[in-house]
PDB file of N, CA and C in Angstrom:
ATOM      1  N   GLN A   1      63.139 115.753 105.101  1.00  0.00           N
ATOM      2  CA  GLN A   1      64.425 115.573 105.761  1.00  0.00           C
ATOM      3  C   GLN A   1      65.180 114.432 105.085  1.00  0.00           C
ATOM      4  N   VAL A   2      66.464 114.637 104.878  1.00  0.00           N
ATOM      5  CA  VAL A   2      67.313 113.645 104.239  1.00  0.00           C
ATOM      6  C   VAL A   2      68.093 112.898 105.301  1.00  0.00           C
ATOM      7  N   GLN A   3      68.114 111.580 105.192  1.00  0.00           N
ATOM      8  CA  GLN A   3      68.899 110.766 106.114  1.00  0.00           C
ATOM      9  C   GLN A   3      70.014 110.065 105.350  1.00  0.00           C
ATOM     10  N   LEU A   4      71.200 110.090 105.940  1.00  0.00           N
ATOM     11  CA  LEU A   4      72.363 109.416 105.372  1.00  0.00           C
ATOM     12  C   LEU A   4      72.888 108.446 106.417  1.00  0.00           C
ATOM     13  N   VAL A   5      73.083 107.210 106.030  1.00  0.00           N
ATOM     14  CA  VAL A   5      73.569 106.191 106.957  1.00  0.00           C
ATOM     15  C   VAL A   5      74.775 105.487 106.338  1.00  0.00           C
ATOM     16  N   GLU A   6      75.936 105.665 106.977  1.00  0.00           N
ATOM     17  CA  GLU A   6      77.162 105.025 106.505  1.00  0.00           C
ATOM     18  C   GLU A   6      77.310 103.637 107.117  1.00  0.00           C
ATOM     19  N   SER A   7      78.011 102.799 106.401  1.00  0.00           N
ATOM     20  CA  SER A   7      78.358 101.458 106.905  1.00  0.00           C
ATOM     21  C   SER A   7      79.622 100.995 106.204  1.00  0.00           C
ATOM     22  N   GLY A   8      80.209  99.929 106.743  1.00  0.00           N
ATOM     23  CA  GLY A   8      81.360  99.319 106.095  1.00  0.00           C
ATOM     24  C   GLY A   8      82.698  99.620 106.734  1.00  0.00           C
ATOM     25  N   GLY A   9      82.703 100.463 107.769  1.00  0.00           N
ATOM     26  CA  GLY A   9      83.955 100.724 108.440  1.00  0.00           C
ATOM     27  C   GLY A   9      84.434  99.540 109.247  1.00  0.00           C
ATOM     28  N   GLY A  10      85.662  99.644 109.755  1.00  0.00           N
ATOM     29  CA  GLY A  10      86.204  98.557 110.567  1.00  0.00           C
ATOM     30  C   GLY A  10      87.689  98.679 110.728  1.00  0.00           C
ATOM     31  N   LEU A  11      88.290  97.587 111.200  1.00  0.00           N
ATOM     32  CA  LEU A  11      89.727  97.511 111.432  1.00  0.00           C
ATOM     33  C   LEU A  11      90.359  96.694 110.310  1.00  0.00           C
ATOM     34  N   VAL A  12      91.409  97.232 109.711  1.00  0.00           N
ATOM     35  CA  VAL A  12      92.087  96.549 108.617  1.00  0.00           C
ATOM     36  C   VAL A  12      93.581  96.795 108.723  1.00  0.00           C
ATOM     37  N   GLN A  13      94.362  95.868 108.236  1.00  0.00           N
ATOM     38  CA  GLN A  13      95.815  96.045 108.236  1.00  0.00           C
ATOM     39  C   GLN A  13      96.237  96.952 107.082  1.00  0.00           C
ATOM     40  N   ALA A  14      97.371  97.592 107.259  1.00  0.00           N
ATOM     41  CA  ALA A  14      97.927  98.428 106.201  1.00  0.00           C
ATOM     42  C   ALA A  14      98.075  97.604 104.918  1.00  0.00           C
ATOM     43  N   GLY A  15      97.719  98.230 103.804  1.00  0.00           N
ATOM     44  CA  GLY A  15      97.730  97.544 102.521  1.00  0.00           C
ATOM     45  C   GLY A  15      96.426  96.875 102.156  1.00  0.00           C
ATOM     46  N   GLY A  16      95.509  96.812 103.117  1.00  0.00           N
ATOM     47  CA  GLY A  16      94.227  96.173 102.877  1.00  0.00           C
ATOM     48  C   GLY A  16      93.212  97.104 102.252  1.00  0.00           C
ATOM     49  N   SER A  17      91.981  96.596 102.137  1.00  0.00           N
ATOM     50  CA  SER A  17      90.905  97.335 101.479  1.00  0.00           C
ATOM     51  C   SER A  17      89.637  97.308 102.319  1.00  0.00           C
ATOM     52  N   LEU A  18      88.836  98.336 102.121  1.00  0.00           N
ATOM     53  CA  LEU A  18      87.493  98.419 102.685  1.00  0.00           C
ATOM     54  C   LEU A  18      86.602  99.134 101.684  1.00  0.00           C
ATOM     55  N   ARG A  19      85.315  98.826 101.729  1.00  0.00           N
ATOM     56  CA  ARG A  19      84.360  99.574 100.940  1.00  0.00           C
ATOM     57  C   ARG A  19      83.303 100.153 101.858  1.00  0.00           C
ATOM     58  N   LEU A  20      83.210 101.459 101.874  1.00  0.00           N
ATOM     59  CA  LEU A  20      82.189 102.142 102.651  1.00  0.00           C
ATOM     60  C   LEU A  20      80.953 102.357 101.783  1.00  0.00           C
ATOM     61  N   SER A  21      79.803 102.289 102.433  1.00  0.00           N
ATOM     62  CA  SER A  21      78.533 102.559 101.759  1.00  0.00           C
ATOM     63  C   SER A  21      77.796 103.662 102.507  1.00  0.00           C
ATOM     64  N   CYS A  22      76.995 104.393 101.787  1.00  0.00           N
ATOM     65  CA  CYS A  22      76.154 105.434 102.390  1.00  0.00           C
ATOM     66  C   CYS A  22      74.781 105.355 101.735  1.00  0.00           C
ATOM     67  N   ALA A  23      73.810 104.952 102.504  1.00  0.00           N
ATOM     68  CA  ALA A  23      72.433 104.846 102.018  1.00  0.00           C
ATOM     69  C   ALA A  23      71.696 106.139 102.311  1.00  0.00           C
ATOM     70  N   VAL A  24      70.998 106.643 101.301  1.00  0.00           N
ATOM     71  CA  VAL A  24      70.332 107.942 101.413  1.00  0.00           C
ATOM     72  C   VAL A  24      68.826 107.768 101.261  1.00  0.00           C
ATOM     73  N   SER A  25      68.063 108.443 102.101  1.00  0.00           N
ATOM     74  CA  SER A  25      66.608 108.417 102.003  1.00  0.00           C
ATOM     75  C   SER A  25      66.060 109.811 102.275  1.00  0.00           C
ATOM     76  N   GLY A  26      64.820 110.027 101.874  1.00  0.00           N
ATOM     77  CA  GLY A  26      64.129 111.260 102.192  1.00  0.00           C
ATOM     78  C   GLY A  26      64.147 112.312 101.108  1.00  0.00           C
ATOM     79  N   ARG A  27      64.870 112.077 100.035  1.00  0.00           N
ATOM     80  CA  ARG A  27      64.932 113.036  98.934  1.00  0.00           C
ATOM     81  C   ARG A  27      65.382 112.266  97.703  1.00  0.00           C
ATOM     82  N   THR A  28      65.052 112.798  96.536  1.00  0.00           N
ATOM     83  CA  THR A  28      65.474 112.137  95.313  1.00  0.00           C
ATOM     84  C   THR A  28      67.002 112.081  95.257  1.00  0.00           C
ATOM     85  N   PHE A  29      67.518 110.892  95.425  1.00  0.00           N
ATOM     86  CA  PHE A  29      68.968 110.709  95.515  1.00  0.00           C
ATOM     87  C   PHE A  29      69.662 111.211  94.271  1.00  0.00           C
ATOM     88  N   SER A  30      69.058 110.983  93.120  1.00  0.00           N
ATOM     89  CA  SER A  30      69.719 111.334  91.863  1.00  0.00           C
ATOM     90  C   SER A  30      69.829 112.845  91.650  1.00  0.00           C
ATOM     91  N   SER A  31      69.241 113.637  92.528  1.00  0.00           N
ATOM     92  CA  SER A  31      69.382 115.094  92.423  1.00  0.00           C
ATOM     93  C   SER A  31      70.527 115.631  93.275  1.00  0.00           C
ATOM     94  N   LEU A  32      71.170 114.751  94.022  1.00  0.00           N
ATOM     95  CA  LEU A  32      72.199 115.166  94.976  1.00  0.00           C
ATOM     96  C   LEU A  32      73.601 114.828  94.507  1.00  0.00           C
ATOM     97  N   ASP A  33      74.509 115.788  94.562  1.00  0.00           N
ATOM     98  CA  ASP A  33      75.926 115.460  94.495  1.00  0.00           C
ATOM     99  C   ASP A  33      76.318 114.923  95.869  1.00  0.00           C
ATOM    100  N   MET A  34      77.234 113.962  95.878  1.00  0.00           N
ATOM    101  CA  MET A  34      77.595 113.311  97.129  1.00  0.00           C
ATOM    102  C   MET A  34      79.094 113.420  97.378  1.00  0.00           C
ATOM    103  N   GLY A  35      79.443 113.479  98.653  1.00  0.00           N
ATOM    104  CA  GLY A  35      80.846 113.564  99.018  1.00  0.00           C
ATOM    105  C   GLY A  35      81.180 112.684 100.201  1.00  0.00           C
ATOM    106  N   TRP A  36      82.461 112.424 100.353  1.00  0.00           N
ATOM    107  CA  TRP A  36      83.009 111.750 101.531  1.00  0.00           C
ATOM    108  C   TRP A  36      84.047 112.676 102.168  1.00  0.00           C
ATOM    109  N   PHE A  37      83.976 112.753 103.484  1.00  0.00           N
ATOM    110  CA  PHE A  37      84.936 113.479 104.295  1.00  0.00           C
ATOM    111  C   PHE A  37      85.462 112.526 105.359  1.00  0.00           C
ATOM    112  N   ARG A  38      86.549 112.938 106.010  1.00  0.00           N
ATOM    113  CA  ARG A  38      87.045 112.142 107.128  1.00  0.00           C
ATOM    114  C   ARG A  38      87.624 113.066 108.192  1.00  0.00           C
ATOM    115  N   GLN A  39      87.622 112.549 109.410  1.00  0.00           N
ATOM    116  CA  GLN A  39      88.158 113.327 110.533  1.00  0.00           C
ATOM    117  C   GLN A  39      88.945 112.412 111.446  1.00  0.00           C
ATOM    118  N   ALA A  40      90.234 112.691 111.534  1.00  0.00           N
ATOM    119  CA  ALA A  40      91.111 111.953 112.438  1.00  0.00           C
ATOM    120  C   ALA A  40      91.116 112.646 113.799  1.00  0.00           C
ATOM    121  N   PRO A  41      91.468 111.922 114.858  1.00  0.00           N
ATOM    122  CA  PRO A  41      91.475 112.525 116.199  1.00  0.00           C
ATOM    123  C   PRO A  41      92.355 113.761 116.245  1.00  0.00           C
ATOM    124  N   GLY A  42      91.810 114.848 116.774  1.00  0.00           N
ATOM    125  CA  GLY A  42      92.569 116.078 116.924  1.00  0.00           C
ATOM    126  C   GLY A  42      92.772 116.873 115.653  1.00  0.00           C
ATOM    127  N   LYS A  43      92.128 116.445 114.573  1.00  0.00           N
ATOM    128  CA  LYS A  43      92.294 117.139 113.295  1.00  0.00           C
ATOM    129  C   LYS A  43      90.962 117.642 112.768  1.00  0.00           C
ATOM    130  N   GLU A  44      91.058 118.557 111.805  1.00  0.00           N
ATOM    131  CA  GLU A  44      89.862 119.064 111.158  1.00  0.00           C
ATOM    132  C   GLU A  44      89.280 118.007 110.226  1.00  0.00           C
ATOM    133  N   ARG A  45      87.979 118.126 109.996  1.00  0.00           N
ATOM    134  CA  ARG A  45      87.353 117.251 109.012  1.00  0.00           C
ATOM    135  C   ARG A  45      87.840 117.658 107.623  1.00  0.00           C
ATOM    136  N   GLU A  46      88.264 116.677 106.847  1.00  0.00           N
ATOM    137  CA  GLU A  46      88.842 116.993 105.548  1.00  0.00           C
ATOM    138  C   GLU A  46      88.123 116.282 104.417  1.00  0.00           C
ATOM    139  N   PHE A  47      88.136 116.926 103.277  1.00  0.00           N
ATOM    140  CA  PHE A  47      87.525 116.396 102.067  1.00  0.00           C
ATOM    141  C   PHE A  47      88.283 115.176 101.571  1.00  0.00           C
ATOM    142  N   VAL A  48      87.531 114.174 101.114  1.00  0.00           N
ATOM    143  CA  VAL A  48      88.126 112.967 100.543  1.00  0.00           C
ATOM    144  C   VAL A  48      87.769 112.845  99.063  1.00  0.00           C
ATOM    145  N   ALA A  49      86.465 112.890  98.745  1.00  0.00           N
ATOM    146  CA  ALA A  49      86.058 112.681  97.358  1.00  0.00           C
ATOM    147  C   ALA A  49      84.634 113.185  97.166  1.00  0.00           C
ATOM    148  N   ARG A  50      84.318 113.421  95.885  1.00  0.00           N
ATOM    149  CA  ARG A  50      82.970 113.888  95.538  1.00  0.00           C
ATOM    150  C   ARG A  50      82.582 113.288  94.198  1.00  0.00           C
ATOM    151  N   ILE A  51      81.255 113.066  94.040  1.00  0.00           N
ATOM    152  CA  ILE A  51      80.740 112.555  92.777  1.00  0.00           C
ATOM    153  C   ILE A  51      79.474 113.329  92.432  1.00  0.00           C
ATOM    154  N   SER A  52      79.311 113.607  91.148  1.00  0.00           N
ATOM    155  CA  SER A  52      78.147 114.369  90.713  1.00  0.00           C
ATOM    156  C   SER A  52      76.886 113.519  90.760  1.00  0.00           C
ATOM    157  N   TRP A  53      75.734 114.166  90.626  1.00  0.00           N
ATOM    158  CA  TRP A  53      74.449 113.475  90.736  1.00  0.00           C
ATOM    159  C   TRP A  53      74.321 112.341  89.718  1.00  0.00           C
ATOM    160  N   SER A  54      74.900 112.515  88.546  1.00  0.00           N
ATOM    161  CA  SER A  54      74.782 111.498  87.501  1.00  0.00           C
ATOM    162  C   SER A  54      75.868 110.450  87.577  1.00  0.00           C
ATOM    163  N   GLY A  55      76.915 110.741  88.324  1.00  0.00           N
ATOM    164  CA  GLY A  55      78.067 109.852  88.360  1.00  0.00           C
ATOM    165  C   GLY A  55      79.084 110.127  87.276  1.00  0.00           C
ATOM    166  N   ALA A  56      78.798 111.111  86.428  1.00  0.00           N
ATOM    167  CA  ALA A  56      79.688 111.378  85.296  1.00  0.00           C
ATOM    168  C   ALA A  56      80.977 112.070  85.713  1.00  0.00           C
ATOM    169  N   SER A  57      80.927 112.799  86.816  1.00  0.00           N
ATOM    170  CA  SER A  57      82.105 113.543  87.277  1.00  0.00           C
ATOM    171  C   SER A  57      82.442 113.141  88.708  1.00  0.00           C
ATOM    172  N   SER A  58      83.727 113.068  88.977  1.00  0.00           N
ATOM    173  CA  SER A  58      84.174 112.800  90.339  1.00  0.00           C
ATOM    174  C   SER A  58      85.520 113.472  90.553  1.00  0.00           C
ATOM    175  N   TYR A  59      85.851 113.608  91.814  1.00  0.00           N
ATOM    176  CA  TYR A  59      87.127 114.252  92.175  1.00  0.00           C
ATOM    177  C   TYR A  59      87.571 113.679  93.510  1.00  0.00           C
ATOM    178  N   SER A  60      88.878 113.413  93.613  1.00  0.00           N
ATOM    179  CA  SER A  60      89.434 112.883  94.851  1.00  0.00           C
ATOM    180  C   SER A  60      90.564 113.764  95.340  1.00  0.00           C
ATOM    181  N   ALA A  61      90.722 113.832  96.637  1.00  0.00           N
ATOM    182  CA  ALA A  61      91.837 114.559  97.220  1.00  0.00           C
ATOM    183  C   ALA A  61      93.157 113.908  96.822  1.00  0.00           C
ATOM    184  N   ASP A  62      94.201 114.706  96.753  1.00  0.00           N
ATOM    185  CA  ASP A  62      95.509 114.189  96.355  1.00  0.00           C
ATOM    186  C   ASP A  62      95.977 113.069  97.270  1.00  0.00           C
ATOM    187  N   SER A  63      95.626 113.159  98.539  1.00  0.00           N
ATOM    188  CA  SER A  63      96.094 112.177  99.523  1.00  0.00           C
ATOM    189  C   SER A  63      95.530 110.779  99.277  1.00  0.00           C
ATOM    190  N   VAL A  64      94.438 110.677  98.534  1.00  0.00           N
ATOM    191  CA  VAL A  64      93.814 109.373  98.298  1.00  0.00           C
ATOM    192  C   VAL A  64      93.754 109.012  96.826  1.00  0.00           C
ATOM    193  N   LYS A  65      94.157 109.922  95.964  1.00  0.00           N
ATOM    194  CA  LYS A  65      94.058 109.699  94.530  1.00  0.00           C
ATOM    195  C   LYS A  65      94.855 108.465  94.138  1.00  0.00           C
ATOM    196  N   GLY A  66      94.224 107.621  93.326  1.00  0.00           N
ATOM    197  CA  GLY A  66      94.860 106.382  92.912  1.00  0.00           C
ATOM    198  C   GLY A  66      94.638 105.226  93.863  1.00  0.00           C
ATOM    199  N   ARG A  67      94.115 105.516  95.060  1.00  0.00           N
ATOM    200  CA  ARG A  67      93.840 104.449  96.046  1.00  0.00           C
ATOM    201  C   ARG A  67      92.349 104.341  96.351  1.00  0.00           C
ATOM    202  N   PHE A  68      91.668 105.449  96.424  1.00  0.00           N
ATOM    203  CA  PHE A  68      90.241 105.482  96.759  1.00  0.00           C
ATOM    204  C   PHE A  68      89.434 105.816  95.508  1.00  0.00           C
ATOM    205  N   THR A  69      88.258 105.199  95.402  1.00  0.00           N
ATOM    206  CA  THR A  69      87.343 105.465  94.291  1.00  0.00           C
ATOM    207  C   THR A  69      85.942 105.691  94.813  1.00  0.00           C
ATOM    208  N   ILE A  70      85.347 106.800  94.419  1.00  0.00           N
ATOM    209  CA  ILE A  70      83.958 107.083  94.775  1.00  0.00           C
ATOM    210  C   ILE A  70      83.058 106.671  93.622  1.00  0.00           C
ATOM    211  N   SER A  71      81.920 106.085  93.954  1.00  0.00           N
ATOM    212  CA  SER A  71      80.960 105.676  92.934  1.00  0.00           C
ATOM    213  C   SER A  71      79.557 105.753  93.542  1.00  0.00           C
ATOM    214  N   ARG A  72      78.562 105.582  92.693  1.00  0.00           N
ATOM    215  CA  ARG A  72      77.184 105.638  93.193  1.00  0.00           C
ATOM    216  C   ARG A  72      76.299 104.737  92.357  1.00  0.00           C
ATOM    217  N   ASP A  73      75.212 104.311  92.977  1.00  0.00           N
ATOM    218  CA  ASP A  73      74.192 103.522  92.309  1.00  0.00           C
ATOM    219  C   ASP A  73      72.864 104.222  92.585  1.00  0.00           C
ATOM    220  N   ASN A  74      72.367 104.958  91.607  1.00  0.00           N
ATOM    221  CA  ASN A  74      71.147 105.737  91.827  1.00  0.00           C
ATOM    222  C   ASN A  74      69.915 104.844  91.980  1.00  0.00           C
ATOM    223  N   ALA A  75      69.980 103.640  91.467  1.00  0.00           N
ATOM    224  CA  ALA A  75      68.858 102.710  91.632  1.00  0.00           C
ATOM    225  C   ALA A  75      68.769 102.213  93.072  1.00  0.00           C
ATOM    226  N   LYS A  76      69.888 102.238  93.781  1.00  0.00           N
ATOM    227  CA  LYS A  76      69.928 101.764  95.171  1.00  0.00           C
ATOM    228  C   LYS A  76      70.045 102.917  96.170  1.00  0.00           C
ATOM    229  N   ASN A  77      70.044 104.149  95.681  1.00  0.00           N
ATOM    230  CA  ASN A  77      70.174 105.323  96.556  1.00  0.00           C
ATOM    231  C   ASN A  77      71.396 105.225  97.461  1.00  0.00           C
ATOM    232  N   THR A  78      72.496 104.788  96.875  1.00  0.00           N
ATOM    233  CA  THR A  78      73.693 104.519  97.671  1.00  0.00           C
ATOM    234  C   THR A  78      74.932 105.071  96.973  1.00  0.00           C
ATOM    235  N   VAL A  79      75.824 105.638  97.775  1.00  0.00           N
ATOM    236  CA  VAL A  79      77.137 106.057  97.304  1.00  0.00           C
ATOM    237  C   VAL A  79      78.189 105.224  98.029  1.00  0.00           C
ATOM    238  N   TYR A  80      79.272 104.947  97.319  1.00  0.00           N
ATOM    239  CA  TYR A  80      80.307 104.063  97.852  1.00  0.00           C
ATOM    240  C   TYR A  80      81.668 104.769  97.867  1.00  0.00           C
ATOM    241  N   LEU A  81      82.528 104.285  98.742  1.00  0.00           N
ATOM    242  CA  LEU A  81      83.923 104.688  98.722  1.00  0.00           C
ATOM    243  C   LEU A  81      84.760 103.422  98.830  1.00  0.00           C
ATOM    244  N   GLN A  82      85.345 103.039  97.719  1.00  0.00           N
ATOM    245  CA  GLN A  82      86.244 101.884  97.694  1.00  0.00           C
ATOM    246  C   GLN A  82      87.631 102.362  98.089  1.00  0.00           C
ATOM    247  N   MET A  83      88.165 101.793  99.148  1.00  0.00           N
ATOM    248  CA  MET A  83      89.459 102.222  99.671  1.00  0.00           C
ATOM    249  C   MET A  83      90.448 101.073  99.573  1.00  0.00           C
ATOM    250  N   ASN A  84      91.482 101.266  98.783  1.00  0.00           N
ATOM    251  CA  ASN A  84      92.520 100.254  98.590  1.00  0.00           C
ATOM    252  C   ASN A  84      93.865 100.771  99.098  1.00  0.00           C
ATOM    253  N   ILE A  85      94.782  99.870  99.285  1.00  0.00           N
ATOM    254  CA  ILE A  85      96.142 100.191  99.744  1.00  0.00           C
ATOM    255  C   ILE A  85      96.061 101.141 100.944  1.00  0.00           C
ATOM    256  N   LEU A  86      95.292 100.754 101.917  1.00  0.00           N
ATOM    257  CA  LEU A  86      95.076 101.603 103.087  1.00  0.00           C
ATOM    258  C   LEU A  86      96.357 101.776 103.886  1.00  0.00           C
ATOM    259  N   LYS A  87      96.489 102.972 104.450  1.00  0.00           N
ATOM    260  CA  LYS A  87      97.653 103.343 105.240  1.00  0.00           C
ATOM    261  C   LYS A  87      97.195 103.725 106.656  1.00  0.00           C
ATOM    262  N   PRO A  88      98.067 103.630 107.636  1.00  0.00           N
ATOM    263  CA  PRO A  88      97.685 104.043 108.986  1.00  0.00           C
ATOM    264  C   PRO A  88      97.157 105.479 109.045  1.00  0.00           C
ATOM    265  N   GLU A  89      97.673 106.338 108.198  1.00  0.00           N
ATOM    266  CA  GLU A  89      97.219 107.725 108.198  1.00  0.00           C
ATOM    267  C   GLU A  89      95.817 107.906 107.615  1.00  0.00           C
ATOM    268  N   ASP A  90      95.239 106.840 107.092  1.00  0.00           N
ATOM    269  CA  ASP A  90      93.838 106.888 106.650  1.00  0.00           C
ATOM    270  C   ASP A  90      92.873 106.656 107.812  1.00  0.00           C
ATOM    271  N   THR A  91      93.395 106.332 108.970  1.00  0.00           N
ATOM    272  CA  THR A  91      92.557 106.111 110.140  1.00  0.00           C
ATOM    273  C   THR A  91      91.781 107.379 110.480  1.00  0.00           C
ATOM    274  N   ALA A  92      90.457 107.241 110.551  1.00  0.00           N
ATOM    275  CA  ALA A  92      89.598 108.392 110.796  1.00  0.00           C
ATOM    276  C   ALA A  92      88.148 107.927 110.875  1.00  0.00           C
ATOM    277  N   VAL A  93      87.294 108.841 111.289  1.00  0.00           N
ATOM    278  CA  VAL A  93      85.856 108.641 111.104  1.00  0.00           C
ATOM    279  C   VAL A  93      85.515 109.195 109.725  1.00  0.00           C
ATOM    280  N   TYR A  94      84.831 108.378 108.930  1.00  0.00           N
ATOM    281  CA  TYR A  94      84.480 108.775 107.577  1.00  0.00           C
ATOM    282  C   TYR A  94      82.998 109.153 107.529  1.00  0.00           C
ATOM    283  N   TYR A  95      82.754 110.313 106.920  1.00  0.00           N
ATOM    284  CA  TYR A  95      81.405 110.850 106.844  1.00  0.00           C
ATOM    285  C   TYR A  95      80.957 110.974 105.393  1.00  0.00           C
ATOM    286  N   CYS A  96      79.717 110.626 105.179  1.00  0.00           N
ATOM    287  CA  CYS A  96      79.053 110.830 103.902  1.00  0.00           C
ATOM    288  C   CYS A  96      78.299 112.162 103.986  1.00  0.00           C
ATOM    289  N   ALA A  97      78.268 112.892 102.866  1.00  0.00           N
ATOM    290  CA  ALA A  97      77.577 114.181 102.858  1.00  0.00           C
ATOM    291  C   ALA A  97      76.893 114.389 101.516  1.00  0.00           C
ATOM    292  N   ALA A  98      75.824 115.186 101.534  1.00  0.00           N
ATOM    293  CA  ALA A  98      75.041 115.443 100.323  1.00  0.00           C
ATOM    294  C   ALA A  98      74.928 116.943 100.076  1.00  0.00           C
ATOM    295  N   ASP A  99      75.066 117.304  98.818  1.00  0.00           N
ATOM    296  CA  ASP A  99      74.981 118.709  98.394  1.00  0.00           C
ATOM    297  C   ASP A  99      73.812 118.838  97.417  1.00  0.00           C
ATOM    298  N   ARG A 100      72.837 119.621  97.749  1.00  0.00           N
ATOM    299  CA  ARG A 100      71.639 119.783  96.920  1.00  0.00           C
ATOM    300  C   ARG A 100      71.742 120.929  95.937  1.00  0.00           C
ATOM    301  N   THR A 101      72.829 121.711  96.012  1.00  0.00           N
ATOM    302  CA  THR A 101      72.895 122.936  95.218  1.00  0.00           C
ATOM    303  C   THR A 101      73.803 122.842  94.011  1.00  0.00           C
ATOM    304  N   GLY A 102      74.433 121.700  93.777  1.00  0.00           N
ATOM    305  CA  GLY A 102      75.258 121.564  92.583  1.00  0.00           C
ATOM    306  C   GLY A 102      76.729 121.806  92.848  1.00  0.00           C
ATOM    307  N   TRP A 103      77.504 121.496  91.871  1.00  0.00           N
ATOM    308  CA  TRP A 103      78.962 121.498  91.982  1.00  0.00           C
ATOM    309  C   TRP A 103      79.500 122.913  91.829  1.00  0.00           C
ATOM    310  N   GLY A 104      79.941 123.498  92.947  1.00  0.00           N
ATOM    311  CA  GLY A 104      80.517 124.832  92.925  1.00  0.00           C
ATOM    312  C   GLY A 104      82.013 124.803  93.139  1.00  0.00           C
ATOM    313  N   LEU A 105      82.600 126.003  93.120  1.00  0.00           N
ATOM    314  CA  LEU A 105      84.062 126.109  93.244  1.00  0.00           C
ATOM    315  C   LEU A 105      84.566 125.629  94.599  1.00  0.00           C
ATOM    316  N   ASN A 106      83.712 125.712  95.620  1.00  0.00           N
ATOM    317  CA  ASN A 106      84.129 125.366  96.984  1.00  0.00           C
ATOM    318  C   ASN A 106      83.703 123.949  97.366  1.00  0.00           C
ATOM    319  N   PHE A 107      83.666 123.039  96.403  1.00  0.00           N
ATOM    320  CA  PHE A 107      83.141 121.711  96.645  1.00  0.00           C
ATOM    321  C   PHE A 107      83.929 120.917  97.677  1.00  0.00           C
ATOM    322  N   ARG A 108      85.147 121.342  97.992  1.00  0.00           N
ATOM    323  CA  ARG A 108      85.946 120.642  98.994  1.00  0.00           C
ATOM    324  C   ARG A 108      85.699 121.143 100.415  1.00  0.00           C
ATOM    325  N   MET A 109      84.859 122.127 100.562  1.00  0.00           N
ATOM    326  CA  MET A 109      84.587 122.706 101.875  1.00  0.00           C
ATOM    327  C   MET A 109      83.347 122.078 102.507  1.00  0.00           C
ATOM    328  N   ARG A 110      83.438 121.875 103.808  1.00  0.00           N
ATOM    329  CA  ARG A 110      82.322 121.276 104.547  1.00  0.00           C
ATOM    330  C   ARG A 110      81.049 122.074 104.391  1.00  0.00           C
ATOM    331  N   THR A 111      81.184 123.379 104.319  1.00  0.00           N
ATOM    332  CA  THR A 111      80.012 124.259 104.292  1.00  0.00           C
ATOM    333  C   THR A 111      79.195 124.120 103.009  1.00  0.00           C
ATOM    334  N   GLU A 112      79.736 123.464 102.002  1.00  0.00           N
ATOM    335  CA  GLU A 112      79.014 123.283 100.750  1.00  0.00           C
ATOM    336  C   GLU A 112      77.975 122.171 100.834  1.00  0.00           C
ATOM    337  N   TYR A 113      78.001 121.404 101.888  1.00  0.00           N
ATOM    338  CA  TYR A 113      77.154 120.213 102.010  1.00  0.00           C
ATOM    339  C   TYR A 113      76.016 120.462 102.997  1.00  0.00           C
ATOM    340  N   ASP A 114      74.842 119.985 102.605  1.00  0.00           N
ATOM    341  CA  ASP A 114      73.631 120.281 103.359  1.00  0.00           C
ATOM    342  C   ASP A 114      73.252 119.196 104.358  1.00  0.00           C
ATOM    343  N   TYR A 115      73.633 117.966 104.066  1.00  0.00           N
ATOM    344  CA  TYR A 115      73.218 116.838 104.897  1.00  0.00           C
ATOM    345  C   TYR A 115      74.424 115.951 105.174  1.00  0.00           C
ATOM    346  N   TRP A 116      74.435 115.374 106.384  1.00  0.00           N
ATOM    347  CA  TRP A 116      75.565 114.564 106.833  1.00  0.00           C
ATOM    348  C   TRP A 116      75.092 113.283 107.488  1.00  0.00           C
ATOM    349  N   GLY A 117      75.908 112.243 107.334  1.00  0.00           N
ATOM    350  CA  GLY A 117      75.670 111.025 108.082  1.00  0.00           C
ATOM    351  C   GLY A 117      76.336 111.094 109.442  1.00  0.00           C
ATOM    352  N   GLN A 118      76.195 110.019 110.197  1.00  0.00           N
ATOM    353  CA  GLN A 118      76.721 109.978 111.564  1.00  0.00           C
ATOM    354  C   GLN A 118      78.177 109.541 111.609  1.00  0.00           C
ATOM    355  N   GLY A 119      78.685 109.012 110.512  1.00  0.00           N
ATOM    356  CA  GLY A 119      80.080 108.611 110.437  1.00  0.00           C
ATOM    357  C   GLY A 119      80.297 107.138 110.711  1.00  0.00           C
ATOM    358  N   THR A 120      81.372 106.611 110.156  1.00  0.00           N
ATOM    359  CA  THR A 120      81.784 105.233 110.396  1.00  0.00           C
ATOM    360  C   THR A 120      83.296 105.207 110.597  1.00  0.00           C
ATOM    361  N   GLN A 121      83.733 104.464 111.613  1.00  0.00           N
ATOM    362  CA  GLN A 121      85.144 104.442 111.979  1.00  0.00           C
ATOM    363  C   GLN A 121      85.933 103.507 111.064  1.00  0.00           C
ATOM    364  N   VAL A 122      87.043 104.012 110.570  1.00  0.00           N
ATOM    365  CA  VAL A 122      88.002 103.201 109.829  1.00  0.00           C
ATOM    366  C   VAL A 122      89.331 103.272 110.569  1.00  0.00           C
ATOM    367  N   THR A 123      89.859 102.119 110.931  1.00  0.00           N
ATOM    368  CA  THR A 123      91.132 102.041 111.635  1.00  0.00           C
ATOM    369  C   THR A 123      92.072 101.146 110.850  1.00  0.00           C
ATOM    370  N   VAL A 124      93.245 101.695 110.514  1.00  0.00           N
ATOM    371  CA  VAL A 124      94.243 100.950 109.744  1.00  0.00           C
ATOM    372  C   VAL A 124      95.448 100.709 110.644  1.00  0.00           C
ATOM    373  N   SER A 125      95.742  99.459 110.880  1.00  0.00           N
ATOM    374  CA  SER A 125      96.864  99.107 111.743  1.00  0.00           C
ATOM    375  C   SER A 125      98.133  98.906 110.909  1.00  0.00           C
ATOM    376  N   SER A 126      99.258  99.227 111.515  1.00  0.00           N
ATOM    377  CA  SER A 126     100.542  99.098 110.798  1.00  0.00           C
ATOM    378  C   SER A 126     101.173  97.748 111.000  1.00  0.00           C
TER     379      SER A 126
END
């Protein structure tokens, strides 16, 4: 069984920064592609970013491109989401997810991910 534990959420003013972390255990971390999703109240869970098992490839949603950066440290079994220039519309619960089957065409869909964390709240005040 794979466990994912997010941390680093909190309350920040617009224009500020936060770094989310997701610690992974229970499976060889370096074999997993990792993603971040978020869910705002009353909205569907949406894709934010993804990084390949090696860290060589990554992709971010247009809504966060240029502001958010996904990275990973395979020695620490941890994936990160650096969030800069935060906006009130970034307010959401952020979820870490792991995909054991590799990078497919539907990588932005929730159904592509096999394991999920419990989420961490990010609130951006205006």
